[in-house]
Amino acid sequence: MKNLQPDPKVLIDIVQTQMPYGKYKGTIIADIPISYLEWMSGKGFTKDKLGMMLSTVFEIKTNGLGEILFMVRKSLNKGQGISPKLK
């Protein structure tokens, strides 16, 4: 099995992009509660960039890897990142 590495650009997008609609509109994707992500998972994530980011956060959080998102934010606060926008 290949050693898979997360795409840093996706992780940066996750900690900088706001949810564009719904109950958590305006909330950074990384900050959406797991309960809402579970609900969305049951409905099925959309097949676009937003759906991919939401499903990634869902996987990170359900596997107890939330520290990854903290580390990405920390590195961005040190000026090591960019500011992507959801298109």
N, C-alpha and C. Protein backbone atom coordinates (compact mmCIF):
# COMPACT_ATOMS: atom_id res chain seq x y z
N MET A 1 0.85 -1.20 0.00
CA MET A 1 0.00 0.00 0.00
C MET A 1 0.88 1.24 0.00
N LYS A 2 0.51 2.22 -0.84
CA LYS A 2 1.26 3.46 -0.92
C LYS A 2 1.07 4.29 0.34
N ASN A 3 2.12 5.04 0.70
CA ASN A 3 2.03 5.97 1.81
C ASN A 3 1.37 7.25 1.30
N LEU A 4 0.11 7.48 1.66
CA LEU A 4 -0.64 8.63 1.18
C LEU A 4 -0.34 9.86 2.01
N GLN A 5 -0.22 11.00 1.34
CA GLN A 5 0.02 12.28 2.00
C GLN A 5 -1.15 13.21 1.68
N PRO A 6 -1.64 13.96 2.69
CA PRO A 6 -2.72 14.90 2.42
C PRO A 6 -2.21 16.05 1.55
N ASP A 7 -3.09 16.58 0.73
CA ASP A 7 -2.76 17.72 -0.12
C ASP A 7 -2.78 18.98 0.75
N PRO A 8 -1.63 19.65 0.91
CA PRO A 8 -1.58 20.84 1.77
C PRO A 8 -2.54 21.93 1.32
N LYS A 9 -2.77 22.07 0.02
CA LYS A 9 -3.68 23.10 -0.48
C LYS A 9 -5.11 22.85 0.01
N VAL A 10 -5.51 21.59 0.03
CA VAL A 10 -6.85 21.25 0.51
C VAL A 10 -6.97 21.59 2.00
N LEU A 11 -5.95 21.26 2.76
CA LEU A 11 -5.98 21.54 4.20
C LEU A 11 -6.01 23.04 4.46
N ILE A 12 -5.27 23.81 3.66
CA ILE A 12 -5.29 25.27 3.80
C ILE A 12 -6.69 25.80 3.47
N ASP A 13 -7.28 25.30 2.40
CA ASP A 13 -8.65 25.71 2.04
C ASP A 13 -9.62 25.41 3.17
N ILE A 14 -9.48 24.26 3.80
CA ILE A 14 -10.39 23.84 4.86
C ILE A 14 -10.33 24.79 6.06
N VAL A 15 -9.16 25.30 6.39
CA VAL A 15 -9.04 26.17 7.57
C VAL A 15 -9.26 27.64 7.24
N GLN A 16 -9.49 27.96 5.95
CA GLN A 16 -9.70 29.36 5.58
C GLN A 16 -11.04 29.64 4.91
N THR A 17 -11.72 28.63 4.44
CA THR A 17 -12.96 28.82 3.68
C THR A 17 -14.18 28.78 4.60
N GLN A 18 -15.09 29.71 4.38
CA GLN A 18 -16.34 29.73 5.15
C GLN A 18 -17.41 28.90 4.45
N MET A 19 -18.24 28.27 5.27
CA MET A 19 -19.39 27.54 4.75
C MET A 19 -20.32 28.55 4.07
N PRO A 20 -20.66 28.34 2.80
CA PRO A 20 -21.44 29.34 2.07
C PRO A 20 -22.95 29.31 2.29
N TYR A 21 -23.48 28.29 2.95
CA TYR A 21 -24.93 28.19 3.12
C TYR A 21 -25.27 27.32 4.33
N GLY A 22 -26.55 27.29 4.66
CA GLY A 22 -27.05 26.39 5.70
C GLY A 22 -26.90 26.91 7.12
N LYS A 23 -27.12 26.03 8.04
CA LYS A 23 -27.10 26.34 9.46
C LYS A 23 -25.78 26.97 9.90
N TYR A 24 -24.69 26.55 9.29
CA TYR A 24 -23.37 27.04 9.68
C TYR A 24 -22.76 27.99 8.65
N LYS A 25 -23.63 28.69 7.92
CA LYS A 25 -23.16 29.68 6.95
C LYS A 25 -22.24 30.68 7.66
N GLY A 26 -21.08 30.94 7.05
CA GLY A 26 -20.12 31.87 7.62
C GLY A 26 -19.11 31.24 8.56
N THR A 27 -19.32 29.99 8.92
CA THR A 27 -18.40 29.27 9.80
C THR A 27 -17.28 28.66 8.97
N ILE A 28 -16.05 28.77 9.47
CA ILE A 28 -14.92 28.14 8.79
C ILE A 28 -15.19 26.64 8.72
N ILE A 29 -14.94 26.04 7.57
CA ILE A 29 -15.26 24.62 7.35
C ILE A 29 -14.65 23.74 8.45
N ALA A 30 -13.43 24.02 8.86
CA ALA A 30 -12.77 23.22 9.89
C ALA A 30 -13.48 23.30 11.24
N ASP A 31 -14.30 24.34 11.45
CA ASP A 31 -14.97 24.55 12.73
C ASP A 31 -16.40 24.01 12.77
N ILE A 32 -16.86 23.43 11.68
CA ILE A 32 -18.21 22.88 11.66
C ILE A 32 -18.25 21.65 12.58
N PRO A 33 -19.23 21.58 13.47
CA PRO A 33 -19.31 20.46 14.42
C PRO A 33 -19.48 19.11 13.73
N ILE A 34 -18.92 18.10 14.34
CA ILE A 34 -18.98 16.74 13.80
C ILE A 34 -20.43 16.27 13.65
N SER A 35 -21.31 16.70 14.53
CA SER A 35 -22.71 16.27 14.44
C SER A 35 -23.34 16.75 13.12
N TYR A 36 -23.02 17.97 12.70
CA TYR A 36 -23.55 18.48 11.44
C TYR A 36 -22.91 17.75 10.26
N LEU A 37 -21.62 17.47 10.37
CA LEU A 37 -20.94 16.73 9.30
C LEU A 37 -21.50 15.32 9.17
N GLU A 38 -21.85 14.70 10.30
CA GLU A 38 -22.47 13.37 10.26
C GLU A 38 -23.81 13.44 9.55
N TRP A 39 -24.59 14.47 9.86
CA TRP A 39 -25.88 14.66 9.22
C TRP A 39 -25.71 14.83 7.71
N MET A 40 -24.74 15.69 7.33
CA MET A 40 -24.49 15.92 5.91
C MET A 40 -24.01 14.65 5.22
N SER A 41 -23.20 13.86 5.91
CA SER A 41 -22.71 12.60 5.35
C SER A 41 -23.88 11.67 5.05
N GLY A 42 -24.84 11.64 5.95
CA GLY A 42 -26.03 10.81 5.73
C GLY A 42 -26.84 11.24 4.51
N LYS A 43 -26.83 12.54 4.23
CA LYS A 43 -27.54 13.07 3.06
C LYS A 43 -26.72 12.88 1.79
N GLY A 44 -25.40 12.77 1.97
CA GLY A 44 -24.48 12.65 0.83
C GLY A 44 -23.82 13.99 0.53
N PHE A 45 -22.51 14.01 0.58
CA PHE A 45 -21.78 15.23 0.27
C PHE A 45 -21.89 15.52 -1.22
N THR A 46 -21.92 16.79 -1.58
CA THR A 46 -21.96 17.18 -2.99
C THR A 46 -20.67 16.73 -3.68
N LYS A 47 -20.70 16.64 -4.98
CA LYS A 47 -19.55 16.15 -5.76
C LYS A 47 -18.67 17.29 -6.26
N ASP A 48 -18.65 18.40 -5.55
CA ASP A 48 -17.84 19.55 -5.94
C ASP A 48 -16.73 19.78 -4.90
N LYS A 49 -16.04 20.89 -5.04
CA LYS A 49 -14.94 21.20 -4.12
C LYS A 49 -15.43 21.32 -2.68
N LEU A 50 -16.56 21.95 -2.47
CA LEU A 50 -17.10 22.10 -1.12
C LEU A 50 -17.39 20.73 -0.51
N GLY A 51 -18.02 19.86 -1.26
CA GLY A 51 -18.32 18.51 -0.77
C GLY A 51 -17.06 17.75 -0.41
N MET A 52 -16.01 17.91 -1.23
CA MET A 52 -14.74 17.26 -0.95
C MET A 52 -14.13 17.79 0.35
N MET A 53 -14.20 19.10 0.56
CA MET A 53 -13.65 19.67 1.79
C MET A 53 -14.44 19.21 3.01
N LEU A 54 -15.76 19.22 2.90
CA LEU A 54 -16.60 18.77 4.03
C LEU A 54 -16.36 17.30 4.35
N SER A 55 -16.25 16.47 3.32
CA SER A 55 -16.01 15.04 3.58
C SER A 55 -14.62 14.82 4.16
N THR A 56 -13.66 15.65 3.76
CA THR A 56 -12.30 15.54 4.32
C THR A 56 -12.30 15.90 5.80
N VAL A 57 -12.98 16.98 6.16
CA VAL A 57 -13.07 17.36 7.57
C VAL A 57 -13.80 16.28 8.36
N PHE A 58 -14.84 15.72 7.78
CA PHE A 58 -15.57 14.64 8.44
C PHE A 58 -14.64 13.46 8.73
N GLU A 59 -13.85 13.06 7.76
CA GLU A 59 -12.90 11.95 7.95
C GLU A 59 -11.84 12.29 8.98
N ILE A 60 -11.31 13.50 8.92
CA ILE A 60 -10.29 13.93 9.88
C ILE A 60 -10.85 13.87 11.30
N LYS A 61 -12.02 14.45 11.49
CA LYS A 61 -12.60 14.52 12.84
C LYS A 61 -13.06 13.15 13.35
N THR A 62 -13.66 12.34 12.50
CA THR A 62 -14.14 11.03 12.98
C THR A 62 -12.99 10.08 13.29
N ASN A 63 -11.82 10.35 12.73
CA ASN A 63 -10.66 9.51 13.01
C ASN A 63 -9.73 10.11 14.07
N GLY A 64 -10.21 11.14 14.76
CA GLY A 64 -9.46 11.73 15.86
C GLY A 64 -8.19 12.45 15.43
N LEU A 65 -8.20 13.01 14.23
CA LEU A 65 -7.01 13.66 13.70
C LEU A 65 -7.16 15.17 13.61
N GLY A 66 -8.03 15.74 14.43
CA GLY A 66 -8.26 17.18 14.41
C GLY A 66 -7.01 18.01 14.64
N GLU A 67 -6.01 17.43 15.25
CA GLU A 67 -4.75 18.12 15.49
C GLU A 67 -4.12 18.59 14.17
N ILE A 68 -4.37 17.86 13.09
CA ILE A 68 -3.85 18.25 11.78
C ILE A 68 -4.34 19.65 11.41
N LEU A 69 -5.61 19.91 11.63
CA LEU A 69 -6.18 21.21 11.29
C LEU A 69 -5.59 22.30 12.17
N PHE A 70 -5.37 21.99 13.44
CA PHE A 70 -4.72 22.94 14.35
C PHE A 70 -3.32 23.29 13.86
N MET A 71 -2.57 22.27 13.44
CA MET A 71 -1.20 22.49 12.97
C MET A 71 -1.18 23.33 11.68
N VAL A 72 -2.13 23.11 10.80
CA VAL A 72 -2.21 23.91 9.56
C VAL A 72 -2.48 25.37 9.91
N ARG A 73 -3.44 25.60 10.80
CA ARG A 73 -3.74 26.98 11.23
C ARG A 73 -2.52 27.64 11.86
N LYS A 74 -1.85 26.90 12.69
CA LYS A 74 -0.67 27.43 13.38
C LYS A 74 0.40 27.84 12.37
N SER A 75 0.63 27.01 11.37
CA SER A 75 1.65 27.34 10.37
C SER A 75 1.22 28.55 9.54
N LEU A 76 -0.09 28.69 9.26
CA LEU A 76 -0.57 29.84 8.51
C LEU A 76 -0.43 31.12 9.33
N ASN A 77 -0.64 31.02 10.63
CA ASN A 77 -0.49 32.19 11.50
C ASN A 77 0.95 32.68 11.55
N LYS A 78 1.89 31.81 11.22
CA LYS A 78 3.30 32.20 11.17
C LYS A 78 3.65 32.77 9.80
N GLY A 79 2.66 32.94 8.93
CA GLY A 79 2.89 33.53 7.62
C GLY A 79 3.39 32.57 6.57
N GLN A 80 3.10 31.29 6.73
CA GLN A 80 3.61 30.30 5.81
C GLN A 80 2.58 29.85 4.78
N GLY A 81 1.44 30.51 4.70
CA GLY A 81 0.41 30.02 3.79
C GLY A 81 -0.14 31.09 2.89
N ILE A 82 -1.15 30.70 2.12
CA ILE A 82 -1.82 31.59 1.18
C ILE A 82 -3.28 31.70 1.58
N SER A 83 -4.02 32.52 0.92
CA SER A 83 -5.43 32.71 1.25
C SER A 83 -6.32 32.33 0.08
N PRO A 84 -6.60 31.03 -0.07
CA PRO A 84 -7.44 30.60 -1.20
C PRO A 84 -8.92 30.92 -0.97
N LYS A 85 -9.64 31.05 -2.06
CA LYS A 85 -11.10 31.31 -2.00
C LYS A 85 -11.83 30.16 -2.66
N LEU A 86 -13.00 29.86 -2.14
CA LEU A 86 -13.85 28.84 -2.75
C LEU A 86 -14.51 29.45 -3.97
N LYS A 87 -14.39 28.79 -5.11
CA LYS A 87 -14.97 29.32 -6.35
C LYS A 87 -16.29 28.69 -6.64
